[in-house]
Amino acid sequence: CSEAEMYSKHTGITPVVIKDLKSIAVMPELKGCIKGMFVVDPCVQD
């Protein structure tokens, strides 16, 4: 999406697109994630 493209341009990191982000919760050898991030207008942040 446009926010993902903006973030990629800002950081230089190309994201990996997976079909269902919720599938992370059942990945067999994954115990946790470093961080999550919402890329969103400040008016929605509260």
ModelCIF file with pLDDT and N, C-alpha, C, O atoms, coordinates in Angstrom:
data_MODEL
#
_entry.id   MODEL 
#
_entity.id                         1 
_entity.type                       polymer 
_entity.pdbx_number_of_molecules   1 
#
_entity_poly.entity_id                      1 
_entity_poly.type                           'polypeptide(L)' 
_entity_poly.nstd_linkage                   no 
_entity_poly.nstd_monomer                   no 
_entity_poly.pdbx_seq_one_letter_code       CSEAEMYSKHTGITPVVIKDLKSIAVMPELKGCIKGMFVVDPCVQD 
_entity_poly.pdbx_seq_one_letter_code_can   CSEAEMYSKHTGITPVVIKDLKSIAVMPELKGCIKGMFVVDPCVQD 
_entity_poly.pdbx_strand_id                 A 
#
loop_
_entity_poly_seq.entity_id 
_entity_poly_seq.num 
_entity_poly_seq.mon_id 
_entity_poly_seq.hetero 
1 1  CYS n 
1 2  SER n 
1 3  GLU n 
1 4  ALA n 
1 5  GLU n 
1 6  MET n 
1 7  TYR n 
1 8  SER n 
1 9  LYS n 
1 10 HIS n 
1 11 THR n 
1 12 GLY n 
1 13 ILE n 
1 14 THR n 
1 15 PRO n 
1 16 VAL n 
1 17 VAL n 
1 18 ILE n 
1 19 LYS n 
1 20 ASP n 
1 21 LEU n 
1 22 LYS n 
1 23 SER n 
1 24 ILE n 
1 25 ALA n 
1 26 VAL n 
1 27 MET n 
1 28 PRO n 
1 29 GLU n 
1 30 LEU n 
1 31 LYS n 
1 32 GLY n 
1 33 CYS n 
1 34 ILE n 
1 35 LYS n 
1 36 GLY n 
1 37 MET n 
1 38 PHE n 
1 39 VAL n 
1 40 VAL n 
1 41 ASP n 
1 42 PRO n 
1 43 CYS n 
1 44 VAL n 
1 45 GLN n 
1 46 ASP n 
#
_struct_asym.id          A 
_struct_asym.entity_id   1 
#
loop_
_ma_qa_metric.id 
_ma_qa_metric.mode 
_ma_qa_metric.name 
_ma_qa_metric.software_group_id 
_ma_qa_metric.type 
1 global pLDDT . pLDDT 
2 local  pLDDT . pLDDT 
#
_ma_qa_metric_global.metric_id      1 
_ma_qa_metric_global.metric_value   90.57 
_ma_qa_metric_global.model_id       1 
_ma_qa_metric_global.ordinal_id     1 
#
loop_
_ma_qa_metric_local.label_asym_id 
_ma_qa_metric_local.label_comp_id 
_ma_qa_metric_local.label_seq_id 
_ma_qa_metric_local.metric_id 
_ma_qa_metric_local.metric_value 
_ma_qa_metric_local.model_id 
_ma_qa_metric_local.ordinal_id 
A CYS 1  2 93.00 1 1  
A SER 2  2 94.00 1 2  
A GLU 3  2 94.00 1 3  
A ALA 4  2 94.00 1 4  
A GLU 5  2 95.00 1 5  
A MET 6  2 92.00 1 6  
A TYR 7  2 92.00 1 7  
A SER 8  2 93.00 1 8  
A LYS 9  2 91.00 1 9  
A HIS 10 2 87.00 1 10 
A THR 11 2 89.00 1 11 
A GLY 12 2 89.00 1 12 
A ILE 13 2 91.00 1 13 
A THR 14 2 92.00 1 14 
A PRO 15 2 94.00 1 15 
A VAL 16 2 94.00 1 16 
A VAL 17 2 94.00 1 17 
A ILE 18 2 92.00 1 18 
A LYS 19 2 87.00 1 19 
A ASP 20 2 91.00 1 20 
A LEU 21 2 91.00 1 21 
A LYS 22 2 90.00 1 22 
A SER 23 2 89.00 1 23 
A ILE 24 2 84.00 1 24 
A ALA 25 2 79.00 1 25 
A VAL 26 2 82.00 1 26 
A MET 27 2 81.00 1 27 
A PRO 28 2 76.00 1 28 
A GLU 29 2 79.00 1 29 
A LEU 30 2 85.00 1 30 
A LYS 31 2 86.00 1 31 
A GLY 32 2 90.00 1 32 
A CYS 33 2 93.00 1 33 
A ILE 34 2 93.00 1 34 
A LYS 35 2 92.00 1 35 
A GLY 36 2 95.00 1 36 
A MET 37 2 95.00 1 37 
A PHE 38 2 97.00 1 38 
A VAL 39 2 95.00 1 39 
A VAL 40 2 93.00 1 40 
A ASP 41 2 93.00 1 41 
A PRO 42 2 93.00 1 42 
A CYS 43 2 93.00 1 43 
A VAL 44 2 94.00 1 44 
A GLN 45 2 95.00 1 45 
A ASP 46 2 95.00 1 46 
#
loop_
_atom_site.group_PDB 
_atom_site.id 
_atom_site.type_symbol 
_atom_site.label_atom_id 
_atom_site.label_alt_id 
_atom_site.label_comp_id 
_atom_site.label_asym_id 
_atom_site.label_entity_id 
_atom_site.label_seq_id 
_atom_site.pdbx_PDB_ins_code 
_atom_site.Cartn_x 
_atom_site.Cartn_y 
_atom_site.Cartn_z 
_atom_site.occupancy 
_atom_site.B_iso_or_equiv 
_atom_site.pdbx_formal_charge 
_atom_site.auth_seq_id 
_atom_site.auth_comp_id 
_atom_site.auth_asym_id 
_atom_site.auth_atom_id 
_atom_site.pdbx_PDB_model_num 
ATOM 1   N N  . CYS A 1 1  ? 0.869  -1.174  0.000  1.00 93.00 ? 1  CYS A N  1 
ATOM 2   C CA . CYS A 1 1  ? 0.000  0.000   0.000  1.00 93.00 ? 1  CYS A CA 1 
ATOM 3   C C  . CYS A 1 1  ? 0.909  1.228   0.000  1.00 93.00 ? 1  CYS A C  1 
ATOM 4   O O  . CYS A 1 1  ? 2.131  1.100   0.070  1.00 93.00 ? 1  CYS A O  1 
ATOM 5   N N  . SER A 1 2  ? 0.314  2.409   -0.078 1.00 94.00 ? 2  SER A N  1 
ATOM 6   C CA . SER A 1 2  ? 1.114  3.630   -0.144 1.00 94.00 ? 2  SER A CA 1 
ATOM 7   C C  . SER A 1 2  ? 1.946  3.818   1.125  1.00 94.00 ? 2  SER A C  1 
ATOM 8   O O  . SER A 1 2  ? 3.079  4.296   1.061  1.00 94.00 ? 2  SER A O  1 
ATOM 9   N N  . GLU A 1 3  ? 1.384  3.442   2.281  1.00 94.00 ? 3  GLU A N  1 
ATOM 10  C CA . GLU A 1 3  ? 2.119  3.579   3.538  1.00 94.00 ? 3  GLU A CA 1 
ATOM 11  C C  . GLU A 1 3  ? 3.318  2.636   3.570  1.00 94.00 ? 3  GLU A C  1 
ATOM 12  O O  . GLU A 1 3  ? 4.387  2.993   4.063  1.00 94.00 ? 3  GLU A O  1 
ATOM 13  N N  . ALA A 1 4  ? 3.129  1.429   3.039  1.00 94.00 ? 4  ALA A N  1 
ATOM 14  C CA . ALA A 1 4  ? 4.238  0.472   2.994  1.00 94.00 ? 4  ALA A CA 1 
ATOM 15  C C  . ALA A 1 4  ? 5.337  0.971   2.056  1.00 94.00 ? 4  ALA A C  1 
ATOM 16  O O  . ALA A 1 4  ? 6.524  0.811   2.341  1.00 94.00 ? 4  ALA A O  1 
ATOM 17  N N  . GLU A 1 5  ? 4.939  1.568   0.950  1.00 95.00 ? 5  GLU A N  1 
ATOM 18  C CA . GLU A 1 5  ? 5.919  2.109   0.005  1.00 95.00 ? 5  GLU A CA 1 
ATOM 19  C C  . GLU A 1 5  ? 6.678  3.281   0.622  1.00 95.00 ? 5  GLU A C  1 
ATOM 20  O O  . GLU A 1 5  ? 7.886  3.416   0.431  1.00 95.00 ? 5  GLU A O  1 
ATOM 21  N N  . MET A 1 6  ? 5.963  4.124   1.360  1.00 92.00 ? 6  MET A N  1 
ATOM 22  C CA . MET A 1 6  ? 6.609  5.249   2.031  1.00 92.00 ? 6  MET A CA 1 
ATOM 23  C C  . MET A 1 6  ? 7.616  4.747   3.059  1.00 92.00 ? 6  MET A C  1 
ATOM 24  O O  . MET A 1 6  ? 8.731  5.263   3.141  1.00 92.00 ? 6  MET A O  1 
ATOM 25  N N  . TYR A 1 7  ? 7.231  3.749   3.841  1.00 92.00 ? 7  TYR A N  1 
ATOM 26  C CA . TYR A 1 7  ? 8.120  3.210   4.864  1.00 92.00 ? 7  TYR A CA 1 
ATOM 27  C C  . TYR A 1 7  ? 9.359  2.581   4.231  1.00 92.00 ? 7  TYR A C  1 
ATOM 28  O O  . TYR A 1 7  ? 10.474 2.748   4.727  1.00 92.00 ? 7  TYR A O  1 
ATOM 29  N N  . SER A 1 8  ? 9.154  1.863   3.142  1.00 93.00 ? 8  SER A N  1 
ATOM 30  C CA . SER A 1 8  ? 10.273 1.226   2.437  1.00 93.00 ? 8  SER A CA 1 
ATOM 31  C C  . SER A 1 8  ? 11.246 2.276   1.905  1.00 93.00 ? 8  SER A C  1 
ATOM 32  O O  . SER A 1 8  ? 12.463 2.109   1.987  1.00 93.00 ? 8  SER A O  1 
ATOM 33  N N  . LYS A 1 9  ? 10.700 3.349   1.365  1.00 91.00 ? 9  LYS A N  1 
ATOM 34  C CA . LYS A 1 9  ? 11.549 4.437   0.864  1.00 91.00 ? 9  LYS A CA 1 
ATOM 35  C C  . LYS A 1 9  ? 12.304 5.106   2.006  1.00 91.00 ? 9  LYS A C  1 
ATOM 36  O O  . LYS A 1 9  ? 13.468 5.478   1.860  1.00 91.00 ? 9  LYS A O  1 
ATOM 37  N N  . HIS A 1 10 ? 11.636 5.253   3.135  1.00 87.00 ? 10 HIS A N  1 
ATOM 38  C CA . HIS A 1 10 ? 12.230 5.912   4.297  1.00 87.00 ? 10 HIS A CA 1 
ATOM 39  C C  . HIS A 1 10 ? 13.380 5.087   4.877  1.00 87.00 ? 10 HIS A C  1 
ATOM 40  O O  . HIS A 1 10 ? 14.400 5.641   5.287  1.00 87.00 ? 10 HIS A O  1 
ATOM 41  N N  . THR A 1 11 ? 13.214 3.768   4.911  1.00 89.00 ? 11 THR A N  1 
ATOM 42  C CA . THR A 1 11 ? 14.185 2.906   5.582  1.00 89.00 ? 11 THR A CA 1 
ATOM 43  C C  . THR A 1 11 ? 15.127 2.166   4.650  1.00 89.00 ? 11 THR A C  1 
ATOM 44  O O  . THR A 1 11 ? 16.209 1.747   5.060  1.00 89.00 ? 11 THR A O  1 
ATOM 45  N N  . GLY A 1 12 ? 14.718 2.003   3.391  1.00 89.00 ? 12 GLY A N  1 
ATOM 46  C CA . GLY A 1 12 ? 15.517 1.204   2.465  1.00 89.00 ? 12 GLY A CA 1 
ATOM 47  C C  . GLY A 1 12 ? 15.286 -0.282  2.617  1.00 89.00 ? 12 GLY A C  1 
ATOM 48  O O  . GLY A 1 12 ? 16.009 -1.083  2.025  1.00 89.00 ? 12 GLY A O  1 
ATOM 49  N N  . ILE A 1 13 ? 14.292 -0.664  3.399  1.00 91.00 ? 13 ILE A N  1 
ATOM 50  C CA . ILE A 1 13 ? 13.989 -2.082  3.622  1.00 91.00 ? 13 ILE A CA 1 
ATOM 51  C C  . ILE A 1 13 ? 12.803 -2.495  2.761  1.00 91.00 ? 13 ILE A C  1 
ATOM 52  O O  . ILE A 1 13 ? 11.755 -1.849  2.792  1.00 91.00 ? 13 ILE A O  1 
ATOM 53  N N  . THR A 1 14 ? 12.963 -3.570  1.993  1.00 92.00 ? 14 THR A N  1 
ATOM 54  C CA . THR A 1 14 ? 11.877 -4.104  1.183  1.00 92.00 ? 14 THR A CA 1 
ATOM 55  C C  . THR A 1 14 ? 11.130 -5.149  2.003  1.00 92.00 ? 14 THR A C  1 
ATOM 56  O O  . THR A 1 14 ? 11.731 -6.144  2.409  1.00 92.00 ? 14 THR A O  1 
ATOM 57  N N  . PRO A 1 15 ? 9.843  -4.954  2.258  1.00 94.00 ? 15 PRO A N  1 
ATOM 58  C CA . PRO A 1 15 ? 9.102  -5.908  3.085  1.00 94.00 ? 15 PRO A CA 1 
ATOM 59  C C  . PRO A 1 15 ? 8.797  -7.207  2.340  1.00 94.00 ? 15 PRO A C  1 
ATOM 60  O O  . PRO A 1 15 ? 8.753  -7.249  1.110  1.00 94.00 ? 15 PRO A O  1 
ATOM 61  N N  . VAL A 1 16 ? 8.591  -8.249  3.116  1.00 94.00 ? 16 VAL A N  1 
ATOM 62  C CA . VAL A 1 16 ? 8.141  -9.527  2.577  1.00 94.00 ? 16 VAL A CA 1 
ATOM 63  C C  . VAL A 1 16 ? 6.621  -9.578  2.731  1.00 94.00 ? 16 VAL A C  1 
ATOM 64  O O  . VAL A 1 16 ? 6.103  -9.417  3.836  1.00 94.00 ? 16 VAL A O  1 
ATOM 65  N N  . VAL A 1 17 ? 5.917  -9.800  1.639  1.00 94.00 ? 17 VAL A N  1 
ATOM 66  C CA . VAL A 1 17 ? 4.453  -9.863  1.674  1.00 94.00 ? 17 VAL A CA 1 
ATOM 67  C C  . VAL A 1 17 ? 4.025  -11.311 1.867  1.00 94.00 ? 17 VAL A C  1 
ATOM 68  O O  . VAL A 1 17 ? 4.361  -12.182 1.065  1.00 94.00 ? 17 VAL A O  1 
ATOM 69  N N  . ILE A 1 18 ? 3.275  -11.558 2.946  1.00 92.00 ? 18 ILE A N  1 
ATOM 70  C CA . ILE A 1 18 ? 2.719  -12.885 3.176  1.00 92.00 ? 18 ILE A CA 1 
ATOM 71  C C  . ILE A 1 18 ? 1.198  -12.772 3.175  1.00 92.00 ? 18 ILE A C  1 
ATOM 72  O O  . ILE A 1 18 ? 0.651  -11.700 3.435  1.00 92.00 ? 18 ILE A O  1 
ATOM 73  N N  . LYS A 1 19 ? 0.526  -13.862 2.887  1.00 87.00 ? 19 LYS A N  1 
ATOM 74  C CA . LYS A 1 19 ? -0.923 -13.833 2.696  1.00 87.00 ? 19 LYS A CA 1 
ATOM 75  C C  . LYS A 1 19 ? -1.671 -13.474 3.966  1.00 87.00 ? 19 LYS A C  1 
ATOM 76  O O  . LYS A 1 19 ? -2.640 -12.717 3.921  1.00 87.00 ? 19 LYS A O  1 
ATOM 77  N N  . ASP A 1 20 ? -1.234 -14.007 5.094  1.00 91.00 ? 20 ASP A N  1 
ATOM 78  C CA . ASP A 1 20 ? -1.965 -13.828 6.348  1.00 91.00 ? 20 ASP A CA 1 
ATOM 79  C C  . ASP A 1 20 ? -0.981 -13.559 7.478  1.00 91.00 ? 20 ASP A C  1 
ATOM 80  O O  . ASP A 1 20 ? -0.248 -14.457 7.893  1.00 91.00 ? 20 ASP A O  1 
ATOM 81  N N  . LEU A 1 21 ? -0.962 -12.332 7.974  1.00 91.00 ? 21 LEU A N  1 
ATOM 82  C CA . LEU A 1 21 ? -0.040 -11.967 9.042  1.00 91.00 ? 21 LEU A CA 1 
ATOM 83  C C  . LEU A 1 21 ? -0.321 -12.749 10.323 1.00 91.00 ? 21 LEU A C  1 
ATOM 84  O O  . LEU A 1 21 ? 0.572  -12.943 11.147 1.00 91.00 ? 21 LEU A O  1 
ATOM 85  N N  . LYS A 1 22 ? -1.551 -13.190 10.483 1.00 90.00 ? 22 LYS A N  1 
ATOM 86  C CA . LYS A 1 22 ? -1.905 -13.956 11.672 1.00 90.00 ? 22 LYS A CA 1 
ATOM 87  C C  . LYS A 1 22 ? -1.249 -15.335 11.687 1.00 90.00 ? 22 LYS A C  1 
ATOM 88  O O  . LYS A 1 22 ? -1.208 -15.994 12.726 1.00 90.00 ? 22 LYS A O  1 
ATOM 89  N N  . SER A 1 23 ? -0.740 -15.770 10.540 1.00 89.00 ? 23 SER A N  1 
ATOM 90  C CA . SER A 1 23 ? -0.064 -17.065 10.490 1.00 89.00 ? 23 SER A CA 1 
ATOM 91  C C  . SER A 1 23 ? 1.236  -17.048 11.283 1.00 89.00 ? 23 SER A C  1 
ATOM 92  O O  . SER A 1 23 ? 1.761  -18.102 11.642 1.00 89.00 ? 23 SER A O  1 
ATOM 93  N N  . ILE A 1 24 ? 1.759  -15.845 11.559 1.00 84.00 ? 24 ILE A N  1 
ATOM 94  C CA . ILE A 1 24 ? 2.973  -15.736 12.375 1.00 84.00 ? 24 ILE A CA 1 
ATOM 95  C C  . ILE A 1 24 ? 2.780  -16.391 13.735 1.00 84.00 ? 24 ILE A C  1 
ATOM 96  O O  . ILE A 1 24 ? 3.702  -16.996 14.282 1.00 84.00 ? 24 ILE A O  1 
ATOM 97  N N  . ALA A 1 25 ? 1.571  -16.263 14.274 1.00 79.00 ? 25 ALA A N  1 
ATOM 98  C CA . ALA A 1 25 ? 1.305  -16.763 15.620 1.00 79.00 ? 25 ALA A CA 1 
ATOM 99  C C  . ALA A 1 25 ? 1.449  -18.280 15.748 1.00 79.00 ? 25 ALA A C  1 
ATOM 100 O O  . ALA A 1 25 ? 1.563  -18.797 16.860 1.00 79.00 ? 25 ALA A O  1 
ATOM 101 N N  . VAL A 1 26 ? 1.446  -18.985 14.638 1.00 82.00 ? 26 VAL A N  1 
ATOM 102 C CA . VAL A 1 26 ? 1.559  -20.451 14.702 1.00 82.00 ? 26 VAL A CA 1 
ATOM 103 C C  . VAL A 1 26 ? 2.828  -20.951 14.011 1.00 82.00 ? 26 VAL A C  1 
ATOM 104 O O  . VAL A 1 26 ? 2.961  -22.149 13.760 1.00 82.00 ? 26 VAL A O  1 
ATOM 105 N N  . MET A 1 27 ? 3.762  -20.045 13.700 1.00 81.00 ? 27 MET A N  1 
ATOM 106 C CA . MET A 1 27 ? 5.024  -20.491 13.109 1.00 81.00 ? 27 MET A CA 1 
ATOM 107 C C  . MET A 1 27 ? 5.778  -21.356 14.121 1.00 81.00 ? 27 MET A C  1 
ATOM 108 O O  . MET A 1 27 ? 5.915  -20.966 15.281 1.00 81.00 ? 27 MET A O  1 
ATOM 109 N N  . PRO A 1 28 ? 6.262  -22.511 13.703 1.00 76.00 ? 28 PRO A N  1 
ATOM 110 C CA . PRO A 1 28 ? 6.778  -23.525 14.642 1.00 76.00 ? 28 PRO A CA 1 
ATOM 111 C C  . PRO A 1 28 ? 7.986  -23.128 15.478 1.00 76.00 ? 28 PRO A C  1 
ATOM 112 O O  . PRO A 1 28 ? 8.075  -23.527 16.640 1.00 76.00 ? 28 PRO A O  1 
ATOM 113 N N  . GLU A 1 29 ? 8.919  -22.356 14.926 1.00 79.00 ? 29 GLU A N  1 
ATOM 114 C CA . GLU A 1 29 ? 10.145 -22.052 15.662 1.00 79.00 ? 29 GLU A CA 1 
ATOM 115 C C  . GLU A 1 29 ? 10.256 -20.579 16.050 1.00 79.00 ? 29 GLU A C  1 
ATOM 116 O O  . GLU A 1 29 ? 11.312 -20.123 16.489 1.00 79.00 ? 29 GLU A O  1 
ATOM 117 N N  . LEU A 1 30 ? 9.160  -19.841 15.883 1.00 85.00 ? 30 LEU A N  1 
ATOM 118 C CA . LEU A 1 30 ? 9.141  -18.421 16.222 1.00 85.00 ? 30 LEU A CA 1 
ATOM 119 C C  . LEU A 1 30 ? 8.584  -18.237 17.626 1.00 85.00 ? 30 LEU A C  1 
ATOM 120 O O  . LEU A 1 30 ? 7.446  -18.616 17.903 1.00 85.00 ? 30 LEU A O  1 
ATOM 121 N N  . LYS A 1 31 ? 9.381  -17.659 18.505 1.00 86.00 ? 31 LYS A N  1 
ATOM 122 C CA . LYS A 1 31 ? 8.978  -17.470 19.898 1.00 86.00 ? 31 LYS A CA 1 
ATOM 123 C C  . LYS A 1 31 ? 8.471  -16.060 20.184 1.00 86.00 ? 31 LYS A C  1 
ATOM 124 O O  . LYS A 1 31 ? 7.828  -15.827 21.207 1.00 86.00 ? 31 LYS A O  1 
ATOM 125 N N  . GLY A 1 32 ? 8.756  -15.126 19.288 1.00 90.00 ? 32 GLY A N  1 
ATOM 126 C CA . GLY A 1 32 ? 8.333  -13.748 19.476 1.00 90.00 ? 32 GLY A CA 1 
ATOM 127 C C  . GLY A 1 32 ? 8.829  -12.908 18.320 1.00 90.00 ? 32 GLY A C  1 
ATOM 128 O O  . GLY A 1 32 ? 9.569  -13.397 17.466 1.00 90.00 ? 32 GLY A O  1 
ATOM 129 N N  . CYS A 1 33 ? 8.427  -11.645 18.284 1.00 93.00 ? 33 CYS A N  1 
ATOM 130 C CA . CYS A 1 33 ? 8.853  -10.723 17.226 1.00 93.00 ? 33 CYS A CA 1 
ATOM 131 C C  . CYS A 1 33 ? 9.552  -9.524  17.854 1.00 93.00 ? 33 CYS A C  1 
ATOM 132 O O  . CYS A 1 33 ? 9.288  -9.166  19.002 1.00 93.00 ? 33 CYS A O  1 
ATOM 133 N N  . ILE A 1 34 ? 10.439 -8.913  17.093 1.00 93.00 ? 34 ILE A N  1 
ATOM 134 C CA . ILE A 1 34 ? 11.215 -7.800  17.631 1.00 93.00 ? 34 ILE A CA 1 
ATOM 135 C C  . ILE A 1 34 ? 10.298 -6.630  17.956 1.00 93.00 ? 34 ILE A C  1 
ATOM 136 O O  . ILE A 1 34 ? 10.338 -6.077  19.055 1.00 93.00 ? 34 ILE A O  1 
ATOM 137 N N  . LYS A 1 35 ? 9.472  -6.262  16.983 1.00 92.00 ? 35 LYS A N  1 
ATOM 138 C CA . LYS A 1 35 ? 8.498  -5.197  17.239 1.00 92.00 ? 35 LYS A CA 1 
ATOM 139 C C  . LYS A 1 35 ? 7.445  -5.210  16.150 1.00 92.00 ? 35 LYS A C  1 
ATOM 140 O O  . LYS A 1 35 ? 7.646  -5.772  15.073 1.00 92.00 ? 35 LYS A O  1 
ATOM 141 N N  . GLY A 1 36 ? 6.321  -4.580  16.447 1.00 95.00 ? 36 GLY A N  1 
ATOM 142 C CA . GLY A 1 36 ? 5.300  -4.322  15.441 1.00 95.00 ? 36 GLY A CA 1 
ATOM 143 C C  . GLY A 1 36 ? 5.227  -2.819  15.229 1.00 95.00 ? 36 GLY A C  1 
ATOM 144 O O  . GLY A 1 36 ? 5.703  -2.039  16.054 1.00 95.00 ? 36 GLY A O  1 
ATOM 145 N N  . MET A 1 37 ? 4.627  -2.423  14.112 1.00 95.00 ? 37 MET A N  1 
ATOM 146 C CA . MET A 1 37 ? 4.504  -0.990  13.841 1.00 95.00 ? 37 MET A CA 1 
ATOM 147 C C  . MET A 1 37 ? 3.267  -0.692  13.004 1.00 95.00 ? 37 MET A C  1 
ATOM 148 O O  . MET A 1 37 ? 3.015  -1.342  11.990 1.00 95.00 ? 37 MET A O  1 
ATOM 149 N N  . PHE A 1 38 ? 2.503  0.297   13.445 1.00 97.00 ? 38 PHE A N  1 
ATOM 150 C CA . PHE A 1 38 ? 1.430  0.860   12.641 1.00 97.00 ? 38 PHE A CA 1 
ATOM 151 C C  . PHE A 1 38 ? 2.006  2.067   11.907 1.00 97.00 ? 38 PHE A C  1 
ATOM 152 O O  . PHE A 1 38 ? 2.629  2.932   12.523 1.00 97.00 ? 38 PHE A O  1 
ATOM 153 N N  . VAL A 1 39 ? 1.801  2.126   10.612 1.00 95.00 ? 39 VAL A N  1 
ATOM 154 C CA . VAL A 1 39 ? 2.173  3.314   9.835  1.00 95.00 ? 39 VAL A CA 1 
ATOM 155 C C  . VAL A 1 39 ? 0.856  4.009   9.532  1.00 95.00 ? 39 VAL A C  1 
ATOM 156 O O  . VAL A 1 39 ? 0.098  3.577   8.664  1.00 95.00 ? 39 VAL A O  1 
ATOM 157 N N  . VAL A 1 40 ? 0.589  5.100   10.262 1.00 93.00 ? 40 VAL A N  1 
ATOM 158 C CA . VAL A 1 40 ? -0.758 5.640   10.283 1.00 93.00 ? 40 VAL A CA 1 
ATOM 159 C C  . VAL A 1 40 ? -0.750 7.121   10.643 1.00 93.00 ? 40 VAL A C  1 
ATOM 160 O O  . VAL A 1 40 ? 0.145  7.601   11.338 1.00 93.00 ? 40 VAL A O  1 
ATOM 161 N N  . ASP A 1 41 ? -1.752 7.827   10.161 1.00 93.00 ? 41 ASP A N  1 
ATOM 162 C CA . ASP A 1 41 ? -1.913 9.242   10.452 1.00 93.00 ? 41 ASP A CA 1 
ATOM 163 C C  . ASP A 1 41 ? -2.037 9.454   11.971 1.00 93.00 ? 41 ASP A C  1 
ATOM 164 O O  . ASP A 1 41 ? -2.693 8.663   12.647 1.00 93.00 ? 41 ASP A O  1 
ATOM 165 N N  . PRO A 1 42 ? -1.421 10.499  12.505 1.00 93.00 ? 42 PRO A N  1 
ATOM 166 C CA . PRO A 1 42 ? -1.473 10.750  13.949 1.00 93.00 ? 42 PRO A CA 1 
ATOM 167 C C  . PRO A 1 42 ? -2.882 10.824  14.533 1.00 93.00 ? 42 PRO A C  1 
ATOM 168 O O  . PRO A 1 42 ? -3.071 10.536  15.714 1.00 93.00 ? 42 PRO A O  1 
ATOM 169 N N  . CYS A 1 43 ? -3.865 11.203  13.731 1.00 93.00 ? 43 CYS A N  1 
ATOM 170 C CA . CYS A 1 43 ? -5.230 11.341  14.256 1.00 93.00 ? 43 CYS A CA 1 
ATOM 171 C C  . CYS A 1 43 ? -5.827 9.999   14.684 1.00 93.00 ? 43 CYS A C  1 
ATOM 172 O O  . CYS A 1 43 ? -6.803 9.978   15.433 1.00 93.00 ? 43 CYS A O  1 
ATOM 173 N N  . VAL A 1 44 ? -5.275 8.902   14.234 1.00 94.00 ? 44 VAL A N  1 
ATOM 174 C CA . VAL A 1 44 ? -5.790 7.568   14.575 1.00 94.00 ? 44 VAL A CA 1 
ATOM 175 C C  . VAL A 1 44 ? -5.001 6.946   15.728 1.00 94.00 ? 44 VAL A C  1 
ATOM 176 O O  . VAL A 1 44 ? -5.411 5.931   16.290 1.00 94.00 ? 44 VAL A O  1 
ATOM 177 N N  . GLN A 1 45 ? -3.885 7.549   16.071 1.00 95.00 ? 45 GLN A N  1 
ATOM 178 C CA . GLN A 1 45 ? -2.972 6.907   17.013 1.00 95.00 ? 45 GLN A CA 1 
ATOM 179 C C  . GLN A 1 45 ? -3.527 6.776   18.425 1.00 95.00 ? 45 GLN A C  1 
ATOM 180 O O  . GLN A 1 45 ? -3.233 5.798   19.112 1.00 95.00 ? 45 GLN A O  1 
ATOM 181 N N  . ASP A 1 46 ? -4.320 7.737   18.867 1.00 95.00 ? 46 ASP A N  1 
ATOM 182 C CA . ASP A 1 46 ? -4.891 7.654   20.211 1.00 95.00 ? 46 ASP A CA 1 
ATOM 183 C C  . ASP A 1 46 ? -5.824 6.454   20.338 1.00 95.00 ? 46 ASP A C  1 
ATOM 184 O O  . ASP A 1 46 ? -6.396 6.227   21.404 1.00 95.00 ? 46 ASP A O  1 
#
